[in-house]
Amino acid sequence: MTNKVNKRLSILLVGCLLSVPVTGFAQAYVWKKLVERYKRAQISAPAVFERSRLLKPKQLDKILRGRVSASQQKMARTPGATGTQGFWDHTELTAVDVRKWPPELTALFAKRCPVLQNAQVPAVKNYFIAFHNRLAATHIKQRKKIQEDIQTHLPRLVDEQIVFTQEAFSQQAARLVPAQVNQILIGEEHQSPQVAQHILSFLKEIATRNPSRRVIYFAEFLDQGEDLSAILPVMCFTGKDPEHYMIYDWLQQHRVPVVGLEMPAVGVTDNTLVVLKDEAGSKVTQDIWKSLSGLYLRNQAWLQVIRQYRQKYPDALFIIHAGAWHTGYIMLFSLAQSFSPQETFVALFMKEDYTLLNLFSRGRLSAPRLGWKDKHLARVAGFDVQLLTHVKEGN
């Protein structure tokens, strides 16, 4: 901000010097016009702040309210952001408010932006709202490109798809994993015993095919730093999360290290809701961690954990197990987008076909067991292999 003011003062000075030879009346006129232009620039200039600078609460809140307004206007101007047909999910709508804001979230955003460390809640909420809307506007544009890519490659996707046989899907899928792969991303549809059984079979096959390689398993469903050996007996006794319990139990028996990815704050702030508004003015609410901005924050936190382990174990095979929305190549802020394509393999295990591929191909690629050998096609489709447990053969 200081640099901009200095620049404008320099312009005024130059203008004054250039007007020296002019008559006194002309000088006064030129000077008056320059001052008026400078004042208009000051009023219309967008409010900005340096992240390392400490502002008074009123200053900060005013700046961030301006950002909220600007971000909402950007959403309104984004092509494809109007009309319900433009949205894949209502979380892409414009954010206008946040309800039940807890102190844990203030601390989280203060890490991202130090100037918020001593900010009052309204300022931090405004920061989040503007942050959400910028992500949403960007995502709408990205999704349009994804749709165009799928439609452009649709003939090849149809001709070169691999439709696996009903039996031994795990073995067939595991055989497609190249030797140079360093991370296998398993994306699931939650709360399905059938999905969990197939994932376990796939894990066993991967372990069998990598007998001498260090394997480390990362889970969305465990908090960072959580001790699996301490919670397994509790899960067994209470019957909590039986789908993942069977996977954890097998991993522990075979001494595969298990690392939790989830931020502890997620469990604390389950009641925090983002208020969204569509073009008709109707409002809907969404859990903050299931919104676009929450998804981004969680994935970024998970990546920090994964990268720390990669530095320590550069040659290990990482198996990253999370929801399908976190893992597919073309899903928003996907973990897969942060890794080298040639060193990454994505396997989706779902009950129904809710993928963007199915949506944008108009159902032409919805076989129960599907995959591609061509890595480029896999990245266009969003996955290397996919298993659907509730789709009948022949559909």
Protein backbone atom coordinates (compact mmCIF):
# COMPACT_ATOMS: atom_id res chain seq x y z
CA MET A 1 0.00 0.00 0.00
CA THR A 2 2.92 2.36 0.84
CA ASN A 3 4.49 1.79 -2.59
CA LYS A 4 1.22 2.73 -4.34
CA VAL A 5 0.91 5.96 -2.33
CA ASN A 6 4.53 6.90 -3.08
CA LYS A 7 3.91 6.24 -6.76
CA ARG A 8 0.88 8.50 -6.82
CA LEU A 9 2.74 11.27 -4.97
CA SER A 10 5.53 11.03 -7.55
CA ILE A 11 2.95 11.48 -10.32
CA LEU A 12 1.61 14.60 -8.59
CA LEU A 13 5.12 16.00 -8.25
CA VAL A 14 5.91 15.40 -11.92
CA GLY A 15 2.63 17.04 -12.86
CA CYS A 16 3.49 20.06 -10.73
CA LEU A 17 6.96 20.40 -12.29
CA LEU A 18 5.56 20.11 -15.81
CA SER A 19 3.10 22.88 -15.09
CA VAL A 20 5.76 25.39 -13.95
CA PRO A 21 6.03 27.23 -17.31
CA VAL A 22 2.25 27.56 -17.54
CA THR A 23 0.37 30.61 -16.34
CA GLY A 24 -0.73 30.73 -12.72
CA PHE A 25 -4.36 30.12 -13.60
CA ALA A 26 -3.45 27.09 -15.74
CA GLN A 27 -1.18 25.75 -13.00
CA ALA A 28 -3.97 25.94 -10.46
CA TYR A 29 -6.37 24.23 -12.84
CA VAL A 30 -3.92 21.36 -13.62
CA TRP A 31 -3.06 20.95 -9.98
CA LYS A 32 -6.75 20.83 -8.99
CA LYS A 33 -7.47 18.13 -11.57
CA LEU A 34 -4.48 16.04 -10.47
CA VAL A 35 -5.54 16.22 -6.83
CA GLU A 36 -9.11 15.22 -7.73
CA ARG A 37 -7.84 12.23 -9.72
CA TYR A 38 -5.58 11.21 -6.86
CA LYS A 39 -8.47 11.34 -4.36
CA ARG A 40 -10.71 9.30 -6.67
CA ALA A 41 -7.95 6.72 -7.01
CA GLN A 42 -7.61 6.56 -3.25
CA ILE A 43 -11.34 5.96 -2.80
CA SER A 44 -11.68 3.40 -5.58
CA ALA A 45 -8.45 1.54 -4.84
CA PRO A 46 -9.18 -1.93 -3.44
CA ALA A 47 -8.20 -2.39 0.18
CA VAL A 48 -5.22 -4.65 0.61
CA PHE A 49 -3.04 -5.69 3.48
CA GLU A 50 0.31 -7.34 3.97
CA ARG A 51 0.10 -10.72 5.72
CA SER A 52 2.90 -9.82 8.12
CA ARG A 53 1.37 -6.51 9.13
CA LEU A 54 -0.78 -6.17 12.24
CA LEU A 55 -3.92 -4.15 11.65
CA LYS A 56 -6.50 -2.83 14.05
CA PRO A 57 -9.63 -5.04 14.20
CA LYS A 58 -11.84 -2.40 12.54
CA GLN A 59 -9.33 -1.93 9.70
CA LEU A 60 -9.03 -5.65 9.13
CA ASP A 61 -12.77 -6.26 9.19
CA LYS A 62 -13.34 -3.43 6.68
CA ILE A 63 -10.72 -4.84 4.33
CA LEU A 64 -12.10 -8.35 4.53
CA ARG A 65 -15.69 -7.20 4.03
CA GLY A 66 -14.47 -5.60 0.84
CA ARG A 67 -12.93 -8.88 -0.21
CA VAL A 68 -16.20 -10.69 0.45
CA SER A 69 -18.06 -8.25 -1.79
CA ALA A 70 -15.44 -8.55 -4.54
CA SER A 71 -15.41 -12.35 -4.39
CA GLN A 72 -19.21 -12.55 -4.56
CA GLN A 73 -19.22 -10.28 -7.61
CA LYS A 74 -16.58 -12.51 -9.21
CA MET A 75 -18.79 -15.55 -8.64
CA ALA A 76 -21.71 -13.76 -10.28
CA ARG A 77 -19.56 -12.99 -13.34
CA THR A 78 -18.08 -16.50 -13.65
CA PRO A 79 -19.36 -18.27 -16.82
CA GLY A 80 -21.37 -21.31 -15.81
CA ALA A 81 -22.05 -20.02 -12.31
CA THR A 82 -25.70 -19.25 -13.01
CA GLY A 83 -28.49 -21.76 -13.41
CA THR A 84 -28.70 -25.04 -11.54
CA GLN A 85 -27.43 -26.93 -14.60
CA GLY A 86 -24.05 -25.27 -14.07
CA PHE A 87 -23.44 -26.95 -10.75
CA TRP A 88 -22.23 -30.44 -9.99
CA ASP A 89 -22.75 -29.93 -6.28
CA HIS A 90 -24.50 -27.18 -4.31
CA THR A 91 -21.34 -26.55 -2.26
CA GLU A 92 -20.14 -24.55 -5.27
CA LEU A 93 -22.71 -21.84 -4.58
CA THR A 94 -21.69 -18.41 -3.32
CA ALA A 95 -20.93 -18.29 0.42
CA VAL A 96 -22.57 -15.45 2.34
CA ASP A 97 -22.15 -16.35 6.02
CA VAL A 98 -20.82 -18.91 8.51
CA ARG A 99 -22.75 -20.12 11.55
CA LYS A 100 -21.40 -21.42 14.88
CA TRP A 101 -17.82 -20.28 14.33
CA PRO A 102 -15.54 -21.97 16.93
CA PRO A 103 -12.17 -20.68 18.20
CA GLU A 104 -10.42 -23.72 16.66
CA LEU A 105 -11.13 -22.33 13.21
CA THR A 106 -9.71 -18.93 14.11
CA ALA A 107 -6.49 -20.64 15.15
CA LEU A 108 -6.43 -22.63 11.90
CA PHE A 109 -6.78 -19.55 9.71
CA ALA A 110 -4.25 -17.63 11.79
CA LYS A 111 -1.69 -20.25 10.69
CA ARG A 112 -2.57 -19.57 7.05
CA CYS A 113 -2.65 -15.80 7.48
CA PRO A 114 -0.70 -14.45 10.51
CA VAL A 115 -2.48 -11.08 10.37
CA LEU A 116 -5.61 -12.90 11.61
CA GLN A 117 -3.95 -14.04 14.82
CA ASN A 118 -5.53 -11.34 16.96
CA ALA A 119 -8.52 -10.71 14.72
CA GLN A 120 -12.08 -10.73 15.92
CA VAL A 121 -14.44 -13.48 14.73
CA PRO A 122 -16.29 -11.37 12.11
CA ALA A 123 -13.00 -10.63 10.34
CA VAL A 124 -11.95 -14.30 10.24
CA LYS A 125 -15.39 -15.34 8.98
CA ASN A 126 -15.13 -12.78 6.20
CA TYR A 127 -11.70 -14.11 5.29
CA PHE A 128 -13.17 -17.60 5.00
CA ILE A 129 -16.17 -16.47 2.92
CA ALA A 130 -13.98 -14.65 0.39
CA PHE A 131 -11.58 -17.62 0.35
CA HIS A 132 -14.46 -20.00 -0.40
CA ASN A 133 -15.87 -17.88 -3.22
CA ARG A 134 -12.52 -17.52 -4.97
CA LEU A 135 -12.07 -21.29 -4.88
CA ALA A 136 -15.60 -21.86 -6.17
CA ALA A 137 -15.16 -19.49 -9.11
CA THR A 138 -11.91 -21.21 -10.06
CA HIS A 139 -13.46 -24.65 -9.73
CA ILE A 140 -16.35 -23.86 -12.06
CA LYS A 141 -13.85 -22.96 -14.77
CA GLN A 142 -11.79 -26.09 -14.09
CA ARG A 143 -14.83 -28.32 -14.24
CA LYS A 144 -15.80 -26.90 -17.61
CA LYS A 145 -12.38 -27.94 -18.94
CA ILE A 146 -12.83 -31.42 -17.45
CA GLN A 147 -16.15 -31.75 -19.24
CA GLU A 148 -14.58 -30.66 -22.55
CA ASP A 149 -11.67 -33.12 -22.11
CA ILE A 150 -14.00 -36.06 -21.45
CA GLN A 151 -16.20 -35.24 -24.43
CA THR A 152 -13.16 -34.75 -26.68
CA HIS A 153 -11.66 -38.13 -25.68
CA LEU A 154 -14.96 -39.99 -25.42
CA PRO A 155 -14.45 -42.12 -28.58
CA ARG A 156 -11.07 -43.33 -27.31
CA LEU A 157 -12.39 -43.82 -23.78
CA VAL A 158 -15.13 -46.06 -25.14
CA ASP A 159 -12.87 -47.99 -27.55
CA GLU A 160 -9.90 -48.50 -25.20
CA GLN A 161 -11.63 -49.20 -21.90
CA ILE A 162 -10.80 -52.39 -20.04
CA VAL A 163 -13.87 -54.11 -18.65
CA PHE A 164 -12.67 -56.58 -16.04
CA THR A 165 -14.25 -59.95 -15.54
CA GLN A 166 -16.47 -60.43 -12.52
CA GLU A 167 -14.05 -62.70 -10.65
CA ALA A 168 -10.67 -61.71 -9.26
CA PHE A 169 -11.03 -57.96 -9.79
CA SER A 170 -8.39 -57.27 -7.12
CA GLN A 171 -5.77 -59.36 -8.88
CA GLN A 172 -6.57 -57.87 -12.28
CA ALA A 173 -6.47 -54.32 -10.95
CA ALA A 174 -3.23 -54.91 -9.03
CA ARG A 175 -1.55 -56.20 -12.19
CA LEU A 176 -2.12 -52.80 -13.82
CA VAL A 177 -0.09 -50.99 -11.12
CA PRO A 178 3.32 -50.15 -12.70
CA ALA A 179 6.48 -50.95 -10.78
CA GLN A 180 7.50 -47.27 -10.66
CA VAL A 181 4.36 -46.25 -8.74
CA ASN A 182 5.14 -44.62 -5.38
CA GLN A 183 1.61 -43.90 -4.21
CA ILE A 184 -1.63 -45.78 -4.70
CA LEU A 185 -4.70 -43.70 -3.94
CA ILE A 186 -7.75 -45.69 -2.90
CA GLY A 187 -10.96 -43.71 -3.13
CA GLU A 188 -14.07 -45.14 -1.52
CA GLU A 189 -17.74 -44.47 -1.15
CA HIS A 190 -18.24 -44.49 2.62
CA GLN A 191 -20.22 -46.87 4.84
CA SER A 192 -20.40 -49.87 2.55
CA PRO A 193 -19.34 -53.35 3.78
CA GLN A 194 -19.04 -54.53 0.16
CA VAL A 195 -16.72 -51.66 -0.73
CA ALA A 196 -14.56 -52.33 2.36
CA GLN A 197 -14.27 -56.04 1.50
CA HIS A 198 -13.05 -55.27 -2.01
CA ILE A 199 -10.57 -52.68 -0.72
CA LEU A 200 -9.15 -55.22 1.71
CA SER A 201 -8.76 -57.76 -1.10
CA PHE A 202 -6.96 -55.14 -3.17
CA LEU A 203 -4.64 -54.26 -0.27
CA LYS A 204 -3.76 -57.93 0.21
CA GLU A 205 -2.94 -58.29 -3.47
CA ILE A 206 -0.76 -55.19 -3.46
CA ALA A 207 1.12 -56.46 -0.40
CA THR A 208 1.63 -59.85 -2.06
CA ARG A 209 3.07 -58.20 -5.16
CA ASN A 210 5.47 -56.03 -3.08
CA PRO A 211 6.95 -58.47 -0.55
CA SER A 212 10.27 -56.66 -0.05
CA ARG A 213 9.11 -53.06 -0.29
CA ARG A 214 8.21 -50.88 2.68
CA VAL A 215 4.48 -50.13 2.58
CA ILE A 216 2.89 -47.29 4.60
CA TYR A 217 -0.88 -46.86 4.81
CA PHE A 218 -2.47 -43.40 5.24
CA ALA A 219 -6.12 -43.01 6.30
CA GLU A 220 -8.56 -40.12 6.17
CA PHE A 221 -10.54 -41.85 8.92
CA LEU A 222 -7.91 -41.46 11.66
CA ASP A 223 -6.65 -38.25 13.25
CA GLN A 224 -3.07 -37.18 12.84
CA GLY A 225 -0.95 -38.80 15.56
CA GLU A 226 -3.69 -41.24 16.58
CA ASP A 227 -2.39 -44.58 17.88
CA LEU A 228 -4.10 -47.42 16.03
CA SER A 229 -3.10 -50.04 18.59
CA ALA A 230 -4.93 -48.06 21.28
CA ILE A 231 -8.17 -47.55 19.35
CA LEU A 232 -8.49 -51.00 17.74
CA PRO A 233 -9.66 -52.72 20.96
CA VAL A 234 -12.24 -49.96 21.47
CA MET A 235 -13.49 -50.36 17.90
CA CYS A 236 -13.74 -54.12 18.39
CA PHE A 237 -15.63 -53.79 21.70
CA THR A 238 -18.05 -51.06 20.56
CA GLY A 239 -18.51 -52.24 16.98
CA LYS A 240 -17.76 -48.72 15.75
CA ASP A 241 -16.84 -48.37 12.07
CA PRO A 242 -16.83 -52.10 11.23
CA GLU A 243 -15.94 -51.44 7.58
CA HIS A 244 -12.59 -49.87 8.41
CA TYR A 245 -11.99 -52.05 11.45
CA MET A 246 -11.47 -55.12 9.28
CA ILE A 247 -8.88 -53.22 7.23
CA TYR A 248 -7.04 -51.84 10.27
CA ASP A 249 -6.99 -55.25 11.92
CA TRP A 250 -5.38 -56.86 8.89
CA LEU A 251 -2.83 -54.03 8.57
CA GLN A 252 -1.82 -54.37 12.20
CA GLN A 253 -1.49 -58.14 11.97
CA HIS A 254 0.83 -57.73 9.00
CA ARG A 255 2.78 -54.88 10.64
CA VAL A 256 1.94 -52.28 8.04
CA PRO A 257 2.42 -48.80 9.57
CA VAL A 258 -0.84 -46.83 9.70
CA VAL A 259 -0.81 -43.01 9.65
CA GLY A 260 -3.84 -40.82 10.37
CA LEU A 261 -4.39 -37.84 8.07
CA GLU A 262 -7.37 -35.97 9.47
CA MET A 263 -7.00 -32.67 11.29
CA PRO A 264 -8.19 -33.03 14.90
CA ALA A 265 -10.12 -29.76 14.47
CA VAL A 266 -12.49 -31.45 12.02
CA GLY A 267 -14.12 -33.44 14.79
CA VAL A 268 -14.46 -30.37 17.00
CA THR A 269 -16.21 -28.17 14.44
CA ASP A 270 -18.75 -30.59 12.99
CA ASN A 271 -21.58 -28.14 13.73
CA THR A 272 -20.03 -25.24 11.83
CA LEU A 273 -22.12 -24.47 8.75
CA VAL A 274 -21.37 -22.41 5.64
CA VAL A 275 -24.42 -20.47 4.43
CA LEU A 276 -24.66 -20.57 0.63
CA LYS A 277 -26.94 -18.63 -1.71
CA ASP A 278 -27.96 -19.40 -5.28
CA GLU A 279 -28.83 -16.94 -8.05
CA ALA A 280 -32.49 -16.99 -7.00
CA GLY A 281 -31.58 -15.87 -3.48
CA SER A 282 -32.40 -19.21 -1.81
CA LYS A 283 -30.07 -20.20 1.02
CA VAL A 284 -28.71 -23.63 1.90
CA THR A 285 -26.28 -24.71 4.61
CA GLN A 286 -23.35 -27.08 4.33
CA ASP A 287 -20.95 -28.60 6.87
CA ILE A 288 -17.80 -26.49 6.67
CA TRP A 289 -15.57 -29.52 6.10
CA LYS A 290 -17.72 -30.75 3.23
CA SER A 291 -17.68 -27.40 1.47
CA LEU A 292 -15.19 -26.60 -1.28
CA SER A 293 -13.04 -24.53 1.05
CA GLY A 294 -13.14 -27.15 3.79
CA LEU A 295 -12.19 -29.86 1.32
CA TYR A 296 -9.24 -27.81 0.15
CA LEU A 297 -8.01 -27.14 3.69
CA ARG A 298 -8.25 -30.81 4.65
CA ASN A 299 -6.44 -32.02 1.55
CA GLN A 300 -3.66 -29.49 2.07
CA ALA A 301 -3.24 -30.62 5.69
CA TRP A 302 -3.12 -34.27 4.58
CA LEU A 303 -0.50 -33.49 1.94
CA GLN A 304 1.75 -31.96 4.59
CA VAL A 305 1.70 -35.23 6.53
CA ILE A 306 2.32 -37.33 3.41
CA ARG A 307 5.22 -35.14 2.29
CA GLN A 308 6.87 -35.37 5.69
CA TYR A 309 6.81 -39.17 5.45
CA ARG A 310 8.04 -39.06 1.85
CA GLN A 311 11.12 -37.15 2.95
CA LYS A 312 11.80 -39.83 5.54
CA TYR A 313 10.91 -42.82 3.32
CA PRO A 314 11.69 -41.82 -0.29
CA ASP A 315 11.42 -45.37 -1.66
CA ALA A 316 8.36 -46.59 0.25
CA LEU A 317 5.04 -47.45 -1.37
CA PHE A 318 2.35 -45.18 0.08
CA ILE A 319 -1.24 -46.38 0.09
CA ILE A 320 -3.52 -43.38 0.66
CA HIS A 321 -7.09 -44.36 1.56
CA ALA A 322 -9.80 -41.67 1.62
CA GLY A 323 -13.14 -40.75 0.15
CA ALA A 324 -13.40 -40.79 -3.65
CA TRP A 325 -13.83 -37.00 -3.70
CA HIS A 326 -10.31 -36.63 -2.25
CA THR A 327 -8.49 -39.02 -4.55
CA GLY A 328 -9.66 -39.09 -8.19
CA TYR A 329 -7.43 -37.40 -10.75
CA ILE A 330 -10.11 -34.91 -11.81
CA MET A 331 -11.80 -34.32 -8.48
CA LEU A 332 -11.51 -30.89 -6.95
CA PHE A 333 -8.18 -30.29 -5.12
CA SER A 334 -7.51 -34.04 -5.40
CA LEU A 335 -4.49 -35.47 -3.63
CA ALA A 336 -3.60 -37.19 -6.92
CA GLN A 337 -3.02 -33.82 -8.58
CA SER A 338 -0.08 -33.18 -6.24
CA PHE A 339 1.91 -36.23 -7.36
CA SER A 340 3.75 -37.22 -10.52
CA PRO A 341 1.26 -38.95 -12.84
CA GLN A 342 3.69 -41.74 -13.71
CA GLU A 343 4.26 -42.50 -10.02
CA THR A 344 0.58 -42.50 -9.06
CA PHE A 345 -2.25 -45.03 -9.39
CA VAL A 346 -5.90 -44.28 -8.53
CA ALA A 347 -8.38 -47.05 -7.68
CA LEU A 348 -11.98 -46.08 -6.93
CA PHE A 349 -14.32 -48.40 -5.00
CA MET A 350 -17.92 -47.20 -5.02
CA LYS A 351 -21.48 -48.42 -4.62
CA GLU A 352 -22.97 -46.34 -7.41
CA ASP A 353 -21.43 -44.46 -10.31
CA TYR A 354 -21.37 -40.83 -9.19
CA THR A 355 -18.15 -39.93 -10.98
CA LEU A 356 -17.73 -36.94 -13.27
CA LEU A 357 -16.85 -39.41 -16.02
CA ASN A 358 -20.32 -40.97 -15.85
CA LEU A 359 -21.98 -37.55 -15.73
CA PHE A 360 -20.11 -36.06 -18.68
CA SER A 361 -20.11 -39.22 -20.82
CA ARG A 362 -23.88 -39.51 -20.34
CA GLY A 363 -23.56 -43.02 -18.91
CA ARG A 364 -21.59 -44.51 -21.81
CA LEU A 365 -18.78 -45.55 -19.44
CA SER A 366 -20.47 -47.09 -16.40
CA ALA A 367 -19.32 -50.71 -16.46
CA PRO A 368 -19.09 -52.29 -12.97
CA ARG A 369 -15.35 -53.01 -13.37
CA LEU A 370 -13.54 -50.54 -15.54
CA GLY A 371 -10.01 -49.37 -16.24
CA TRP A 372 -7.45 -48.04 -18.73
CA LYS A 373 -3.88 -49.03 -19.57
CA ASP A 374 -3.23 -45.65 -21.19
CA LYS A 375 -2.23 -43.25 -18.42
CA HIS A 376 -3.43 -40.22 -20.34
CA LEU A 377 -6.91 -41.70 -20.67
CA ALA A 378 -6.88 -42.62 -16.98
CA ARG A 379 -6.21 -39.01 -16.06
CA VAL A 380 -8.98 -37.78 -18.37
CA ALA A 381 -11.41 -40.29 -16.85
CA GLY A 382 -10.31 -39.60 -13.27
CA PHE A 383 -9.06 -43.08 -12.28
CA ASP A 384 -6.94 -46.02 -13.40
CA VAL A 385 -9.45 -48.63 -12.23
CA GLN A 386 -12.95 -48.44 -10.77
CA LEU A 387 -15.19 -51.00 -9.10
CA LEU A 388 -18.92 -50.42 -8.66
CA THR A 389 -20.52 -52.83 -6.22
CA HIS A 390 -24.21 -52.07 -6.87
CA VAL A 391 -24.25 -51.92 -10.67
CA LYS A 392 -25.57 -55.04 -12.37
CA GLU A 393 -23.49 -56.75 -15.02
CA GLY A 394 -24.41 -55.64 -18.53
CA ASN A 395 -25.57 -52.14 -17.51
